Amino acid sequence: LLFILCVPALGPLFAPGYFFDAHDGRHSVFYLVQFDASIRDGALWPRWAMHHIQGYGYPTFLIQAPLGLYLAEIFVLLGAGFTLAAKLAWSVGVLAGAWGAYALVRHWLTRSATPDSPPGPEARAGYGLRDTAVAFTCVIAGVLYTYFPYHIGDMYVRGALNDALLLGWLPWLFLVFDRLLLGGAAPGWTRRLGFAILVLAGTLLTHTFALL
């Protein structure tokens, strides 16, 4: 249900053409072209964009975080054109953010709601109604996060691929660190710590200024 409700936000991505008039609309495709050229040239961790600065090249990918470009490159290697690959990367980011907002709000609403002892039949019915209400609340949270004006503007006004993908990471970042900090030294803390490290690393590799 959440993903179905989020599909209209992706509508312009699947329309013909591309929004090159967006602020960074050209960059999101041109950087991918340069990234793909470096990958095909054997640089599996690209640093140099060989066709920038009138062909002299520039260390673009020391500044431009690479993870979103790797995501788009997967679609390029699967046969998509560069503009379609950028659109598909945006779509993944939007749906990941919606799912993350759902998971984060569900965590907040249910982390202290588990009964200490097995409930009776009447209590189980009440828990069923509560769980349904929680699920719908989480769907609403995911939809609101998806249609948040800055989120939509990041894609269609700014055309900033990495910014939009960063918003896909943020709910997961809050979720894994909330679980880590609240769980403390309880069993499974190493697993929670590992997830937190991976999500933080993914966030920093998606947007250069996320650390700030």
Protein backbone atom coordinates (compact mmCIF):
# COMPACT_ATOMS: atom_id res chain seq x y z
CA LEU A 1 0.00 0.00 0.00
CA LEU A 2 2.82 2.37 0.87
CA PHE A 3 4.61 1.84 -2.43
CA ILE A 4 1.38 2.16 -4.42
CA LEU A 5 0.66 5.52 -2.76
CA CYS A 6 4.21 6.68 -3.53
CA VAL A 7 4.06 5.82 -7.24
CA PRO A 8 2.53 9.22 -8.27
CA ALA A 9 5.61 10.94 -6.83
CA LEU A 10 7.67 9.00 -9.37
CA GLY A 11 5.34 9.76 -12.30
CA PRO A 12 7.51 12.45 -13.94
CA LEU A 13 10.51 10.12 -13.78
CA PHE A 14 8.82 7.70 -16.15
CA ALA A 15 7.55 10.35 -18.56
CA PRO A 16 9.43 10.81 -21.86
CA GLY A 17 12.40 13.15 -21.84
CA TYR A 18 14.40 14.47 -18.94
CA PHE A 19 14.41 17.63 -16.81
CA PHE A 20 17.69 19.11 -17.97
CA ASP A 21 16.48 22.58 -16.96
CA ALA A 22 16.58 21.57 -13.28
CA HIS A 23 19.37 23.23 -11.30
CA ASP A 24 21.66 20.18 -11.35
CA GLY A 25 19.70 18.20 -13.93
CA ARG A 26 22.59 18.09 -16.39
CA HIS A 27 25.10 17.14 -13.71
CA SER A 28 23.15 14.08 -12.61
CA VAL A 29 23.49 12.62 -16.10
CA PHE A 30 26.88 14.03 -17.13
CA TYR A 31 28.59 12.84 -13.93
CA LEU A 32 27.17 9.39 -14.59
CA VAL A 33 28.56 9.45 -18.15
CA GLN A 34 32.01 10.30 -16.73
CA PHE A 35 31.67 7.72 -13.97
CA ASP A 36 30.76 5.01 -16.49
CA ALA A 37 33.72 5.97 -18.69
CA SER A 38 36.09 5.58 -15.74
CA ILE A 39 34.55 2.23 -14.76
CA ARG A 40 34.91 0.93 -18.32
CA ASP A 41 38.49 2.23 -18.35
CA GLY A 42 39.29 -0.04 -15.41
CA ALA A 43 39.00 2.42 -12.50
CA LEU A 44 36.66 0.51 -10.18
CA TRP A 45 36.78 3.41 -7.67
CA PRO A 46 36.72 6.38 -10.06
CA ARG A 47 38.39 9.61 -9.03
CA TRP A 48 39.12 11.36 -12.31
CA ALA A 49 36.47 12.64 -14.72
CA MET A 50 38.47 12.61 -17.92
CA HIS A 51 36.25 14.92 -20.01
CA HIS A 52 35.76 17.77 -17.55
CA ILE A 53 37.51 21.13 -18.00
CA GLN A 54 37.39 21.00 -21.81
CA GLY A 55 38.95 17.56 -21.90
CA TYR A 56 41.79 18.18 -19.44
CA GLY A 57 39.98 16.22 -16.76
CA TYR A 58 39.19 16.98 -13.12
CA PRO A 59 39.16 14.96 -9.85
CA THR A 60 35.36 15.21 -9.74
CA PHE A 61 34.83 12.00 -7.83
CA LEU A 62 37.07 13.04 -4.97
CA ILE A 63 34.37 15.68 -4.33
CA GLN A 64 31.25 13.98 -5.66
CA ALA A 65 30.19 11.11 -3.37
CA PRO A 66 30.17 7.86 -5.38
CA LEU A 67 27.47 5.56 -3.97
CA GLY A 68 24.55 7.06 -5.91
CA LEU A 69 26.62 6.86 -9.08
CA TYR A 70 27.42 3.21 -8.38
CA LEU A 71 23.69 2.59 -8.00
CA ALA A 72 22.95 4.28 -11.33
CA GLU A 73 25.90 2.47 -12.93
CA ILE A 74 24.31 -0.87 -12.09
CA PHE A 75 21.36 0.09 -14.28
CA VAL A 76 23.72 1.29 -17.04
CA LEU A 77 25.54 -2.04 -17.01
CA LEU A 78 22.17 -3.80 -17.20
CA GLY A 79 21.47 -1.96 -20.43
CA ALA A 80 19.66 1.25 -19.41
CA GLY A 81 20.56 4.57 -20.99
CA PHE A 82 22.16 7.21 -18.80
CA THR A 83 19.02 9.27 -18.28
CA LEU A 84 16.92 6.19 -17.53
CA ALA A 85 19.59 4.94 -15.12
CA ALA A 86 19.50 8.27 -13.26
CA LYS A 87 15.70 8.06 -13.08
CA LEU A 88 15.84 4.51 -11.75
CA ALA A 89 18.38 5.54 -9.10
CA TRP A 90 16.02 8.32 -8.01
CA SER A 91 13.18 5.81 -7.81
CA VAL A 92 15.19 3.49 -5.58
CA GLY A 93 16.04 6.40 -3.28
CA VAL A 94 12.43 7.55 -3.00
CA LEU A 95 11.08 4.07 -2.24
CA ALA A 96 13.91 3.36 0.22
CA GLY A 97 13.11 6.60 2.05
CA ALA A 98 9.40 5.77 2.20
CA TRP A 99 10.16 2.31 3.55
CA GLY A 100 12.65 3.77 6.03
CA ALA A 101 10.11 6.30 7.35
CA TYR A 102 7.61 3.45 7.74
CA ALA A 103 10.14 1.30 9.63
CA LEU A 104 11.30 4.18 11.84
CA VAL A 105 7.81 5.21 12.94
CA ARG A 106 6.86 1.56 13.50
CA HIS A 107 9.92 1.20 15.71
CA TRP A 108 8.96 4.29 17.72
CA LEU A 109 5.36 3.15 18.17
CA THR A 110 6.02 -0.49 19.04
CA ARG A 111 9.31 -0.58 20.93
CA SER A 112 7.57 -0.41 24.35
CA ALA A 113 4.25 -1.96 23.37
CA THR A 114 5.17 -5.65 23.61
CA PRO A 115 3.36 -7.34 26.55
CA ASP A 116 5.48 -9.04 29.22
CA SER A 117 3.20 -12.10 29.31
CA PRO A 118 1.14 -13.88 26.62
CA PRO A 119 -2.18 -12.02 26.22
CA GLY A 120 -5.61 -13.64 26.46
CA PRO A 121 -8.09 -13.78 23.53
CA GLU A 122 -9.64 -10.37 24.27
CA ALA A 123 -6.24 -8.76 24.66
CA ARG A 124 -5.06 -10.36 21.42
CA ALA A 125 -8.04 -8.81 19.61
CA GLY A 126 -7.08 -5.45 21.05
CA TYR A 127 -3.49 -5.91 19.95
CA GLY A 128 -4.73 -6.74 16.44
CA LEU A 129 -6.63 -3.46 16.25
CA ARG A 130 -3.65 -1.60 17.64
CA ASP A 131 -1.30 -3.22 15.14
CA THR A 132 -3.61 -2.20 12.29
CA ALA A 133 -3.68 1.38 13.56
CA VAL A 134 0.12 1.38 13.88
CA ALA A 135 0.50 0.03 10.34
CA PHE A 136 -1.72 2.75 8.87
CA THR A 137 0.10 5.39 10.90
CA CYS A 138 3.41 4.13 9.49
CA VAL A 139 2.01 4.19 5.94
CA ILE A 140 0.94 7.81 6.46
CA ALA A 141 4.43 8.64 7.75
CA GLY A 142 6.04 7.07 4.67
CA VAL A 143 3.71 8.93 2.31
CA LEU A 144 4.25 12.27 4.06
CA TYR A 145 8.01 11.76 3.93
CA THR A 146 7.84 10.98 0.21
CA TYR A 147 5.70 14.01 -0.66
CA PHE A 148 7.56 16.42 1.62
CA PRO A 149 8.03 19.46 -0.68
CA TYR A 150 11.82 19.57 -0.36
CA HIS A 151 11.96 15.88 -1.26
CA ILE A 152 9.97 16.43 -4.45
CA GLY A 153 11.90 19.63 -5.20
CA ASP A 154 15.20 17.78 -4.87
CA MET A 155 14.23 15.67 -7.88
CA TYR A 156 12.24 17.95 -10.15
CA VAL A 157 13.47 21.46 -9.30
CA ARG A 158 17.02 20.95 -8.09
CA GLY A 159 17.68 17.74 -10.02
CA ALA A 160 20.15 16.79 -7.28
CA LEU A 161 20.57 13.02 -7.38
CA ASN A 162 22.79 12.68 -4.32
CA ASP A 163 20.61 14.98 -2.21
CA ALA A 164 17.55 12.90 -3.02
CA LEU A 165 19.37 9.65 -2.28
CA LEU A 166 20.61 11.09 1.03
CA LEU A 167 16.97 11.54 2.06
CA GLY A 168 16.52 7.84 1.34
CA TRP A 169 19.20 7.02 3.92
CA LEU A 170 18.19 9.36 6.76
CA PRO A 171 15.25 7.38 8.23
CA TRP A 172 17.38 4.24 8.28
CA LEU A 173 20.21 6.19 9.94
CA PHE A 174 17.92 7.33 12.77
CA LEU A 175 16.46 3.84 13.06
CA VAL A 176 19.71 1.91 13.41
CA PHE A 177 21.24 4.38 15.88
CA ASP A 178 18.04 4.53 17.94
CA ARG A 179 18.09 0.75 18.19
CA LEU A 180 21.80 0.77 19.01
CA LEU A 181 21.55 3.38 21.76
CA LEU A 182 18.33 2.06 23.32
CA GLY A 183 19.53 -1.53 23.19
CA GLY A 184 22.73 -0.74 25.04
CA ALA A 185 24.69 -3.87 25.93
CA ALA A 186 21.69 -6.18 25.52
CA PRO A 187 22.32 -9.35 23.47
CA GLY A 188 22.74 -8.63 19.79
CA TRP A 189 24.57 -5.33 20.34
CA THR A 190 27.36 -6.33 17.95
CA ARG A 191 24.83 -6.89 15.17
CA ARG A 192 23.16 -3.56 15.92
CA LEU A 193 26.54 -1.84 15.92
CA GLY A 194 27.44 -3.44 12.59
CA PHE A 195 24.20 -2.22 10.98
CA ALA A 196 24.77 1.27 12.37
CA ILE A 197 28.30 1.39 10.95
CA LEU A 198 27.16 0.21 7.51
CA VAL A 199 24.26 2.67 7.29
CA LEU A 200 26.45 5.56 8.47
CA ALA A 201 29.10 4.64 5.91
CA GLY A 202 26.46 4.43 3.18
CA THR A 203 25.15 7.85 4.16
CA LEU A 204 28.59 9.46 4.00
CA LEU A 205 29.35 7.77 0.67
CA THR A 206 26.07 9.07 -0.78
CA HIS A 207 26.47 12.76 0.00
CA THR A 208 29.81 14.47 0.61
CA PHE A 209 28.41 17.01 3.06
CA ALA A 210 26.25 14.59 5.04
CA LEU A 211 28.94 14.52 7.72
CA LEU A 212 28.31 18.21 8.39
